[in-house]
Amino acid sequence: MRTQGFDVEFEITGVHFVLDRLVARYGDRYPAEAIRQVVEEAQRPYLGSQVHAFVPLMVERDARRVLDAGR
């Protein structure tokens, strides 16, 4: 069984990986700081979620939609 602390750490690490992937993918169109802000905005609705395992996936999906739309 996983503890709450582990799940939160997993989420934070996952979101950092998401940020790295999005900077690699969109860095030629947007500054890294702008991408970070999009990721933070995408993460807000999931803060306090009971299930942390899927948060990075949802954040990446939501951030890609914003970045693909031209922010």
N, C-alpha and C. Protein backbone atom coordinates (compact mmCIF):
# COMPACT_ATOMS: atom_id res chain seq x y z
N MET A 1 0.84 -1.18 0.00
CA MET A 1 0.00 0.00 0.00
C MET A 1 0.89 1.25 0.00
N ARG A 2 0.51 2.21 -0.80
CA ARG A 2 1.29 3.44 -0.88
C ARG A 2 0.77 4.45 0.13
N THR A 3 1.67 5.27 0.58
CA THR A 3 1.27 6.31 1.52
C THR A 3 0.96 7.59 0.76
N GLN A 4 0.24 8.47 1.38
CA GLN A 4 -0.11 9.75 0.77
C GLN A 4 1.15 10.52 0.36
N GLY A 5 2.15 10.52 1.21
CA GLY A 5 3.39 11.23 0.90
C GLY A 5 4.07 10.72 -0.35
N PHE A 6 4.09 9.41 -0.51
CA PHE A 6 4.69 8.82 -1.70
C PHE A 6 3.92 9.24 -2.94
N ASP A 7 2.59 9.20 -2.87
CA ASP A 7 1.76 9.56 -4.02
C ASP A 7 1.97 11.01 -4.42
N VAL A 8 2.06 11.90 -3.45
CA VAL A 8 2.28 13.32 -3.76
C VAL A 8 3.66 13.50 -4.39
N GLU A 9 4.66 12.82 -3.86
CA GLU A 9 6.01 12.91 -4.43
C GLU A 9 6.02 12.37 -5.86
N PHE A 10 5.30 11.28 -6.09
CA PHE A 10 5.17 10.70 -7.43
C PHE A 10 4.55 11.72 -8.38
N GLU A 11 3.51 12.40 -7.91
CA GLU A 11 2.84 13.42 -8.73
C GLU A 11 3.79 14.57 -9.07
N ILE A 12 4.50 15.06 -8.09
CA ILE A 12 5.42 16.18 -8.30
C ILE A 12 6.51 15.79 -9.29
N THR A 13 7.09 14.61 -9.11
CA THR A 13 8.12 14.12 -10.03
C THR A 13 7.55 13.98 -11.43
N GLY A 14 6.36 13.43 -11.52
CA GLY A 14 5.72 13.25 -12.82
C GLY A 14 5.47 14.57 -13.53
N VAL A 15 5.04 15.57 -12.80
CA VAL A 15 4.79 16.88 -13.40
C VAL A 15 6.10 17.52 -13.86
N HIS A 16 7.19 17.28 -13.13
CA HIS A 16 8.50 17.79 -13.59
C HIS A 16 8.90 17.13 -14.91
N PHE A 17 8.65 15.83 -15.03
CA PHE A 17 8.93 15.14 -16.30
C PHE A 17 8.06 15.70 -17.42
N VAL A 18 6.80 15.98 -17.11
CA VAL A 18 5.89 16.59 -18.09
C VAL A 18 6.47 17.91 -18.57
N LEU A 19 6.89 18.74 -17.64
CA LEU A 19 7.46 20.03 -18.01
C LEU A 19 8.67 19.86 -18.92
N ASP A 20 9.54 18.93 -18.59
CA ASP A 20 10.72 18.67 -19.42
C ASP A 20 10.32 18.25 -20.84
N ARG A 21 9.34 17.35 -20.93
CA ARG A 21 8.88 16.89 -22.25
C ARG A 21 8.27 18.03 -23.06
N LEU A 22 7.47 18.86 -22.39
CA LEU A 22 6.81 19.95 -23.11
C LEU A 22 7.80 21.02 -23.55
N VAL A 23 8.81 21.28 -22.73
CA VAL A 23 9.86 22.23 -23.14
C VAL A 23 10.61 21.68 -24.35
N ALA A 24 10.89 20.38 -24.34
CA ALA A 24 11.57 19.77 -25.49
C ALA A 24 10.70 19.84 -26.74
N ARG A 25 9.42 19.66 -26.59
CA ARG A 25 8.52 19.65 -27.74
C ARG A 25 8.15 21.05 -28.23
N TYR A 26 7.90 21.96 -27.32
CA TYR A 26 7.39 23.28 -27.68
C TYR A 26 8.41 24.41 -27.48
N GLY A 27 9.62 24.07 -27.07
CA GLY A 27 10.62 25.08 -26.77
C GLY A 27 11.01 25.96 -27.94
N ASP A 28 10.79 25.49 -29.15
CA ASP A 28 11.09 26.31 -30.32
C ASP A 28 9.99 27.34 -30.59
N ARG A 29 8.82 27.16 -29.95
CA ARG A 29 7.70 28.10 -30.15
C ARG A 29 7.42 28.98 -28.94
N TYR A 30 7.78 28.48 -27.75
CA TYR A 30 7.48 29.20 -26.51
C TYR A 30 8.70 29.20 -25.60
N PRO A 31 8.90 30.27 -24.83
CA PRO A 31 9.97 30.25 -23.82
C PRO A 31 9.63 29.24 -22.73
N ALA A 32 10.65 28.68 -22.12
CA ALA A 32 10.45 27.68 -21.07
C ALA A 32 9.57 28.22 -19.94
N GLU A 33 9.72 29.48 -19.61
CA GLU A 33 8.92 30.08 -18.53
C GLU A 33 7.44 30.09 -18.88
N ALA A 34 7.11 30.35 -20.13
CA ALA A 34 5.71 30.34 -20.56
C ALA A 34 5.14 28.93 -20.48
N ILE A 35 5.94 27.95 -20.85
CA ILE A 35 5.50 26.56 -20.77
C ILE A 35 5.29 26.16 -19.32
N ARG A 36 6.20 26.59 -18.45
CA ARG A 36 6.04 26.30 -17.02
C ARG A 36 4.74 26.88 -16.49
N GLN A 37 4.42 28.08 -16.90
CA GLN A 37 3.17 28.71 -16.45
C GLN A 37 1.95 27.94 -16.94
N VAL A 38 2.00 27.47 -18.17
CA VAL A 38 0.89 26.67 -18.70
C VAL A 38 0.74 25.39 -17.89
N VAL A 39 1.85 24.75 -17.57
CA VAL A 39 1.81 23.52 -16.77
C VAL A 39 1.23 23.80 -15.39
N GLU A 40 1.66 24.88 -14.77
CA GLU A 40 1.12 25.22 -13.45
C GLU A 40 -0.38 25.47 -13.51
N GLU A 41 -0.83 26.18 -14.54
CA GLU A 41 -2.26 26.44 -14.70
C GLU A 41 -3.02 25.14 -14.93
N ALA A 42 -2.43 24.24 -15.71
CA ALA A 42 -3.07 22.95 -15.98
C ALA A 42 -3.14 22.08 -14.73
N GLN A 43 -2.20 22.26 -13.82
CA GLN A 43 -2.17 21.45 -12.60
C GLN A 43 -3.17 21.93 -11.55
N ARG A 44 -3.53 23.20 -11.59
CA ARG A 44 -4.39 23.77 -10.54
C ARG A 44 -5.67 22.97 -10.27
N PRO A 45 -6.42 22.56 -11.29
CA PRO A 45 -7.67 21.85 -11.00
C PRO A 45 -7.46 20.52 -10.27
N TYR A 46 -6.25 19.99 -10.33
CA TYR A 46 -5.98 18.68 -9.74
C TYR A 46 -5.33 18.77 -8.36
N LEU A 47 -5.04 19.97 -7.90
CA LEU A 47 -4.45 20.11 -6.56
C LEU A 47 -5.44 19.58 -5.53
N GLY A 48 -4.97 18.78 -4.63
CA GLY A 48 -5.83 18.20 -3.61
C GLY A 48 -6.57 16.96 -4.06
N SER A 49 -6.22 16.44 -5.23
CA SER A 49 -6.86 15.22 -5.72
C SER A 49 -6.58 14.06 -4.79
N GLN A 50 -7.53 13.16 -4.70
CA GLN A 50 -7.35 11.97 -3.89
C GLN A 50 -6.44 10.95 -4.58
N VAL A 51 -6.50 10.90 -5.90
CA VAL A 51 -5.69 9.97 -6.67
C VAL A 51 -4.63 10.78 -7.42
N HIS A 52 -3.38 10.53 -7.09
CA HIS A 52 -2.28 11.31 -7.65
C HIS A 52 -1.63 10.67 -8.87
N ALA A 53 -1.86 9.39 -9.06
CA ALA A 53 -1.16 8.66 -10.11
C ALA A 53 -1.43 9.20 -11.50
N PHE A 54 -2.62 9.71 -11.74
CA PHE A 54 -2.98 10.15 -13.08
C PHE A 54 -2.82 11.66 -13.29
N VAL A 55 -2.46 12.37 -12.26
CA VAL A 55 -2.35 13.83 -12.37
C VAL A 55 -1.34 14.24 -13.44
N PRO A 56 -0.13 13.68 -13.48
CA PRO A 56 0.80 14.11 -14.53
C PRO A 56 0.24 13.89 -15.94
N LEU A 57 -0.44 12.79 -16.15
CA LEU A 57 -1.05 12.51 -17.45
C LEU A 57 -2.09 13.56 -17.81
N MET A 58 -2.94 13.89 -16.86
CA MET A 58 -3.99 14.88 -17.09
C MET A 58 -3.39 16.27 -17.31
N VAL A 59 -2.38 16.61 -16.54
CA VAL A 59 -1.72 17.91 -16.69
C VAL A 59 -1.08 18.02 -18.07
N GLU A 60 -0.41 16.97 -18.49
CA GLU A 60 0.23 17.00 -19.81
C GLU A 60 -0.82 17.15 -20.91
N ARG A 61 -1.90 16.41 -20.81
CA ARG A 61 -2.96 16.50 -21.81
C ARG A 61 -3.52 17.93 -21.88
N ASP A 62 -3.83 18.48 -20.73
CA ASP A 62 -4.42 19.83 -20.69
C ASP A 62 -3.43 20.89 -21.18
N ALA A 63 -2.17 20.76 -20.78
CA ALA A 63 -1.16 21.74 -21.21
C ALA A 63 -0.91 21.65 -22.71
N ARG A 64 -0.89 20.45 -23.26
CA ARG A 64 -0.70 20.30 -24.71
C ARG A 64 -1.83 20.97 -25.48
N ARG A 65 -3.05 20.83 -24.98
CA ARG A 65 -4.19 21.47 -25.64
C ARG A 65 -3.99 22.99 -25.70
N VAL A 66 -3.55 23.55 -24.60
CA VAL A 66 -3.33 25.00 -24.55
C VAL A 66 -2.19 25.39 -25.50
N LEU A 67 -1.10 24.66 -25.44
CA LEU A 67 0.06 25.00 -26.27
C LEU A 67 -0.23 24.77 -27.75
N ASP A 68 -0.95 23.71 -28.08
CA ASP A 68 -1.30 23.46 -29.48
C ASP A 68 -2.26 24.52 -30.02
N ALA A 69 -3.08 25.08 -29.14
CA ALA A 69 -4.03 26.10 -29.56
C ALA A 69 -3.37 27.47 -29.73
N GLY A 70 -2.12 27.55 -29.35
CA GLY A 70 -1.39 28.81 -29.52
C GLY A 70 -1.47 29.72 -28.32
N ARG A 71 -1.87 29.16 -27.20
CA ARG A 71 -1.98 29.85 -25.92
C ARG A 71 -2.70 31.10 -26.11
